[in-house]
Amino acid sequence: MNRYKGVELSSRYELEAEFAEMMRVVDALSPLLLSRVQQIWCDSKAGACYAVTMRAGPWDDSFATGIHAVFMTQGGHNGIAIQGGPREIFIEPEWEGDELDDPDR
């Protein structure tokens, strides 16, 4: 496990490219989210599938929106599970350009 700007980063297979991407995600977090995100884990086996653990404190649904937006700056993801106290939110996979494949979006 690595620590970057106070956030624990880890992945199933400890791949360098995954750590580099998670570091870019941390760099893109707002100051509020950076203070609240405790850990990001990447499931190497699933590829671009993440679990984000929030630090203890009050929950705000905007956290999930902000985290999703940051991952989208990296091109997308295969799903993000966000855990914060009693709350757990799963964000469905989304990739840049998906809206071009689905005219109803």
N, C-alpha and C. Protein backbone atom coordinates (compact mmCIF):
# COMPACT_ATOMS: atom_id res chain seq x y z
N MET A 1 0.84 -1.18 0.00
CA MET A 1 0.00 0.00 0.00
C MET A 1 0.89 1.24 0.00
N ASN A 2 0.52 2.20 -0.82
CA ASN A 2 1.23 3.47 -0.90
C ASN A 2 0.34 4.57 -0.31
N ARG A 3 0.97 5.62 0.15
CA ARG A 3 0.23 6.78 0.64
C ARG A 3 0.65 7.96 -0.23
N TYR A 4 -0.36 8.69 -0.73
CA TYR A 4 -0.10 9.84 -1.59
C TYR A 4 -1.03 10.97 -1.16
N LYS A 5 -0.44 12.08 -0.74
CA LYS A 5 -1.20 13.25 -0.27
C LYS A 5 -2.22 12.86 0.80
N GLY A 6 -1.85 11.90 1.65
CA GLY A 6 -2.71 11.49 2.75
C GLY A 6 -3.75 10.43 2.40
N VAL A 7 -3.76 9.97 1.14
CA VAL A 7 -4.72 8.95 0.70
C VAL A 7 -3.97 7.64 0.50
N GLU A 8 -4.49 6.56 1.08
CA GLU A 8 -3.90 5.24 0.90
C GLU A 8 -4.30 4.71 -0.47
N LEU A 9 -3.32 4.27 -1.24
CA LEU A 9 -3.56 3.72 -2.57
C LEU A 9 -3.11 2.27 -2.60
N SER A 10 -3.97 1.40 -3.14
CA SER A 10 -3.59 0.01 -3.27
C SER A 10 -4.35 -0.62 -4.43
N SER A 11 -3.84 -1.75 -4.88
CA SER A 11 -4.51 -2.48 -5.94
C SER A 11 -4.23 -3.97 -5.78
N ARG A 12 -5.05 -4.77 -6.40
CA ARG A 12 -4.93 -6.22 -6.26
C ARG A 12 -3.54 -6.71 -6.65
N TYR A 13 -3.04 -6.25 -7.80
CA TYR A 13 -1.75 -6.73 -8.30
C TYR A 13 -0.63 -5.70 -8.18
N GLU A 14 -0.90 -4.57 -7.52
CA GLU A 14 0.12 -3.54 -7.29
C GLU A 14 0.79 -3.07 -8.58
N LEU A 15 -0.02 -2.83 -9.61
CA LEU A 15 0.52 -2.43 -10.91
C LEU A 15 0.87 -0.94 -10.92
N GLU A 16 2.03 -0.63 -11.44
CA GLU A 16 2.54 0.74 -11.47
C GLU A 16 1.57 1.69 -12.21
N ALA A 17 1.02 1.24 -13.32
CA ALA A 17 0.11 2.09 -14.10
C ALA A 17 -1.15 2.43 -13.30
N GLU A 18 -1.61 1.49 -12.48
CA GLU A 18 -2.79 1.77 -11.65
C GLU A 18 -2.47 2.81 -10.58
N PHE A 19 -1.30 2.69 -9.97
CA PHE A 19 -0.90 3.68 -8.97
C PHE A 19 -0.78 5.06 -9.62
N ALA A 20 -0.23 5.12 -10.81
CA ALA A 20 -0.09 6.41 -11.51
C ALA A 20 -1.47 7.02 -11.77
N GLU A 21 -2.42 6.19 -12.19
CA GLU A 21 -3.77 6.71 -12.44
C GLU A 21 -4.44 7.17 -11.14
N MET A 22 -4.31 6.39 -10.08
CA MET A 22 -4.90 6.79 -8.81
C MET A 22 -4.26 8.07 -8.28
N MET A 23 -2.97 8.26 -8.51
CA MET A 23 -2.32 9.50 -8.10
C MET A 23 -2.89 10.69 -8.89
N ARG A 24 -3.16 10.49 -10.18
CA ARG A 24 -3.78 11.56 -10.97
C ARG A 24 -5.19 11.88 -10.45
N VAL A 25 -5.90 10.85 -10.03
CA VAL A 25 -7.23 11.07 -9.44
C VAL A 25 -7.09 11.90 -8.17
N VAL A 26 -6.17 11.53 -7.30
CA VAL A 26 -5.96 12.29 -6.05
C VAL A 26 -5.59 13.73 -6.38
N ASP A 27 -4.73 13.93 -7.36
CA ASP A 27 -4.35 15.30 -7.75
C ASP A 27 -5.55 16.12 -8.19
N ALA A 28 -6.56 15.48 -8.77
CA ALA A 28 -7.73 16.19 -9.30
C ALA A 28 -8.83 16.40 -8.27
N LEU A 29 -8.71 15.80 -7.08
CA LEU A 29 -9.74 15.97 -6.05
C LEU A 29 -9.78 17.41 -5.55
N SER A 30 -10.97 17.89 -5.26
CA SER A 30 -11.10 19.20 -4.62
C SER A 30 -10.50 19.12 -3.22
N PRO A 31 -10.14 20.26 -2.62
CA PRO A 31 -9.60 20.23 -1.26
C PRO A 31 -10.53 19.52 -0.27
N LEU A 32 -11.84 19.73 -0.40
CA LEU A 32 -12.78 19.06 0.51
C LEU A 32 -12.73 17.55 0.32
N LEU A 33 -12.80 17.09 -0.92
CA LEU A 33 -12.76 15.65 -1.15
C LEU A 33 -11.42 15.05 -0.73
N LEU A 34 -10.33 15.76 -1.00
CA LEU A 34 -9.02 15.27 -0.59
C LEU A 34 -8.97 15.07 0.93
N SER A 35 -9.60 15.95 1.67
CA SER A 35 -9.61 15.82 3.13
C SER A 35 -10.50 14.68 3.60
N ARG A 36 -11.43 14.23 2.77
CA ARG A 36 -12.38 13.19 3.16
C ARG A 36 -12.07 11.80 2.62
N VAL A 37 -11.34 11.70 1.51
CA VAL A 37 -11.03 10.39 0.94
C VAL A 37 -9.89 9.76 1.73
N GLN A 38 -10.14 8.57 2.26
CA GLN A 38 -9.14 7.86 3.05
C GLN A 38 -8.34 6.88 2.20
N GLN A 39 -9.03 6.16 1.31
CA GLN A 39 -8.36 5.11 0.56
C GLN A 39 -9.01 4.93 -0.81
N ILE A 40 -8.17 4.60 -1.80
CA ILE A 40 -8.65 4.19 -3.12
C ILE A 40 -7.98 2.85 -3.43
N TRP A 41 -8.81 1.88 -3.80
CA TRP A 41 -8.32 0.56 -4.16
C TRP A 41 -8.77 0.25 -5.58
N CYS A 42 -7.88 -0.28 -6.39
CA CYS A 42 -8.19 -0.66 -7.76
C CYS A 42 -8.19 -2.17 -7.87
N ASP A 43 -9.25 -2.71 -8.42
CA ASP A 43 -9.31 -4.16 -8.65
C ASP A 43 -8.67 -4.47 -9.99
N SER A 44 -7.41 -4.80 -9.95
CA SER A 44 -6.63 -5.08 -11.16
C SER A 44 -7.28 -6.16 -12.01
N LYS A 45 -7.89 -7.12 -11.35
CA LYS A 45 -8.50 -8.24 -12.06
C LYS A 45 -9.69 -7.77 -12.90
N ALA A 46 -10.45 -6.81 -12.40
CA ALA A 46 -11.61 -6.28 -13.12
C ALA A 46 -11.20 -5.16 -14.08
N GLY A 47 -10.10 -4.49 -13.79
CA GLY A 47 -9.63 -3.40 -14.66
C GLY A 47 -10.45 -2.14 -14.49
N ALA A 48 -9.84 -1.09 -13.99
CA ALA A 48 -10.46 0.23 -13.83
C ALA A 48 -11.74 0.18 -13.00
N CYS A 49 -11.78 -0.72 -12.04
CA CYS A 49 -12.90 -0.85 -11.10
C CYS A 49 -12.35 -0.46 -9.73
N TYR A 50 -13.00 0.47 -9.04
CA TYR A 50 -12.42 1.07 -7.85
C TYR A 50 -13.33 0.98 -6.64
N ALA A 51 -12.71 0.99 -5.47
CA ALA A 51 -13.41 1.15 -4.20
C ALA A 51 -12.78 2.37 -3.52
N VAL A 52 -13.62 3.30 -3.13
CA VAL A 52 -13.16 4.51 -2.45
C VAL A 52 -13.76 4.50 -1.05
N THR A 53 -12.90 4.62 -0.04
CA THR A 53 -13.35 4.66 1.35
C THR A 53 -13.19 6.08 1.86
N MET A 54 -14.27 6.60 2.43
CA MET A 54 -14.26 7.95 2.97
C MET A 54 -13.87 7.93 4.44
N ARG A 55 -13.25 9.00 4.91
CA ARG A 55 -12.94 9.16 6.33
C ARG A 55 -14.25 9.38 7.09
N ALA A 56 -14.21 9.12 8.38
CA ALA A 56 -15.38 9.36 9.23
C ALA A 56 -15.78 10.83 9.17
N GLY A 57 -17.05 11.06 9.20
CA GLY A 57 -17.57 12.43 9.17
C GLY A 57 -18.91 12.45 8.48
N PRO A 58 -19.54 13.60 8.46
CA PRO A 58 -20.86 13.70 7.84
C PRO A 58 -20.80 13.36 6.35
N TRP A 59 -21.84 12.71 5.88
CA TRP A 59 -21.93 12.31 4.47
C TRP A 59 -22.69 13.36 3.69
N ASP A 60 -22.24 13.60 2.48
CA ASP A 60 -22.95 14.48 1.56
C ASP A 60 -22.96 13.78 0.20
N ASP A 61 -24.15 13.68 -0.43
CA ASP A 61 -24.24 12.99 -1.71
C ASP A 61 -23.36 13.62 -2.80
N SER A 62 -22.98 14.88 -2.61
CA SER A 62 -22.11 15.52 -3.59
C SER A 62 -20.72 14.87 -3.62
N PHE A 63 -20.36 14.13 -2.56
CA PHE A 63 -19.07 13.43 -2.57
C PHE A 63 -19.02 12.45 -3.73
N ALA A 64 -20.09 11.67 -3.89
CA ALA A 64 -20.13 10.67 -4.97
C ALA A 64 -20.08 11.35 -6.33
N THR A 65 -20.79 12.44 -6.48
CA THR A 65 -20.79 13.18 -7.75
C THR A 65 -19.38 13.69 -8.06
N GLY A 66 -18.72 14.24 -7.06
CA GLY A 66 -17.37 14.77 -7.25
C GLY A 66 -16.36 13.68 -7.57
N ILE A 67 -16.45 12.56 -6.88
CA ILE A 67 -15.52 11.45 -7.12
C ILE A 67 -15.72 10.91 -8.53
N HIS A 68 -16.98 10.74 -8.93
CA HIS A 68 -17.26 10.26 -10.29
C HIS A 68 -16.67 11.23 -11.31
N ALA A 69 -16.87 12.52 -11.12
CA ALA A 69 -16.37 13.53 -12.06
C ALA A 69 -14.85 13.45 -12.19
N VAL A 70 -14.16 13.22 -11.09
CA VAL A 70 -12.70 13.12 -11.12
C VAL A 70 -12.26 11.90 -11.93
N PHE A 71 -12.90 10.76 -11.71
CA PHE A 71 -12.54 9.57 -12.49
C PHE A 71 -12.83 9.78 -13.97
N MET A 72 -13.85 10.54 -14.29
CA MET A 72 -14.16 10.82 -15.69
C MET A 72 -13.07 11.67 -16.34
N THR A 73 -12.35 12.48 -15.55
CA THR A 73 -11.24 13.25 -16.13
C THR A 73 -10.12 12.33 -16.59
N GLN A 74 -10.13 11.09 -16.10
CA GLN A 74 -9.12 10.09 -16.50
C GLN A 74 -9.63 9.21 -17.64
N GLY A 75 -10.79 9.51 -18.17
CA GLY A 75 -11.34 8.76 -19.29
C GLY A 75 -12.49 7.84 -18.94
N GLY A 76 -12.65 7.54 -17.65
CA GLY A 76 -13.77 6.71 -17.23
C GLY A 76 -13.36 5.62 -16.27
N HIS A 77 -14.28 4.67 -16.06
CA HIS A 77 -14.07 3.61 -15.08
C HIS A 77 -15.04 2.47 -15.34
N ASN A 78 -14.78 1.33 -14.71
CA ASN A 78 -15.66 0.17 -14.80
C ASN A 78 -16.49 -0.01 -13.54
N GLY A 79 -16.70 1.06 -12.82
CA GLY A 79 -17.51 1.05 -11.62
C GLY A 79 -16.72 1.56 -10.43
N ILE A 80 -17.43 2.29 -9.56
CA ILE A 80 -16.80 2.83 -8.35
C ILE A 80 -17.74 2.55 -7.18
N ALA A 81 -17.25 1.84 -6.17
CA ALA A 81 -17.98 1.65 -4.92
C ALA A 81 -17.44 2.67 -3.93
N ILE A 82 -18.32 3.51 -3.40
CA ILE A 82 -17.91 4.54 -2.45
C ILE A 82 -18.53 4.21 -1.11
N GLN A 83 -17.67 4.05 -0.10
CA GLN A 83 -18.13 3.68 1.23
C GLN A 83 -17.81 4.80 2.19
N GLY A 84 -18.82 5.24 2.91
CA GLY A 84 -18.64 6.30 3.89
C GLY A 84 -19.56 6.10 5.07
N GLY A 85 -19.03 5.56 6.16
CA GLY A 85 -19.86 5.30 7.32
C GLY A 85 -20.97 4.33 6.97
N PRO A 86 -22.21 4.71 7.25
CA PRO A 86 -23.32 3.80 6.95
C PRO A 86 -23.72 3.80 5.47
N ARG A 87 -23.16 4.70 4.69
CA ARG A 87 -23.54 4.82 3.28
C ARG A 87 -22.59 4.04 2.38
N GLU A 88 -23.17 3.43 1.35
CA GLU A 88 -22.37 2.84 0.29
C GLU A 88 -23.11 3.10 -1.01
N ILE A 89 -22.39 3.67 -1.94
CA ILE A 89 -22.97 4.01 -3.24
C ILE A 89 -22.14 3.33 -4.31
N PHE A 90 -22.82 2.75 -5.30
CA PHE A 90 -22.11 2.18 -6.44
C PHE A 90 -22.43 3.01 -7.67
N ILE A 91 -21.38 3.46 -8.34
CA ILE A 91 -21.54 4.22 -9.57
C ILE A 91 -21.28 3.28 -10.73
N GLU A 92 -22.24 3.19 -11.61
CA GLU A 92 -22.15 2.28 -12.75
C GLU A 92 -20.98 2.66 -13.67
N PRO A 93 -20.44 1.69 -14.40
CA PRO A 93 -19.34 1.98 -15.32
C PRO A 93 -19.71 3.08 -16.32
N GLU A 94 -18.75 3.91 -16.61
CA GLU A 94 -18.95 4.97 -17.60
C GLU A 94 -17.60 5.33 -18.20
N TRP A 95 -17.59 5.49 -19.50
CA TRP A 95 -16.37 5.86 -20.22
C TRP A 95 -16.66 7.05 -21.11
N GLU A 96 -15.63 7.86 -21.31
CA GLU A 96 -15.72 8.98 -22.24
C GLU A 96 -16.22 8.46 -23.58
N GLY A 97 -17.21 9.11 -24.15
CA GLY A 97 -17.74 8.70 -25.43
C GLY A 97 -18.95 7.78 -25.32
N ASP A 98 -19.27 7.30 -24.11
CA ASP A 98 -20.46 6.44 -23.95
C ASP A 98 -21.72 7.12 -24.44
N GLU A 99 -21.80 8.44 -24.26
CA GLU A 99 -23.00 9.16 -24.69
C GLU A 99 -23.19 9.09 -26.20
N LEU A 100 -22.11 8.85 -26.93
CA LEU A 100 -22.22 8.73 -28.39
C LEU A 100 -22.83 7.39 -28.79
N ASP A 101 -22.67 6.38 -27.90
CA ASP A 101 -23.22 5.05 -28.17
C ASP A 101 -24.70 4.95 -27.81
N ASP A 102 -25.19 5.83 -26.93
CA ASP A 102 -26.56 5.76 -26.45
C ASP A 102 -27.25 7.10 -26.70
N PRO A 103 -28.08 7.18 -27.73
CA PRO A 103 -28.71 8.47 -28.07
C PRO A 103 -29.71 8.96 -27.02
N ASP A 104 -30.10 8.10 -26.06
CA ASP A 104 -31.04 8.52 -25.02
C ASP A 104 -30.36 9.21 -23.86
N ARG A 105 -29.05 9.29 -23.86
CA ARG A 105 -28.32 9.92 -22.76
C ARG A 105 -28.31 11.41 -22.90
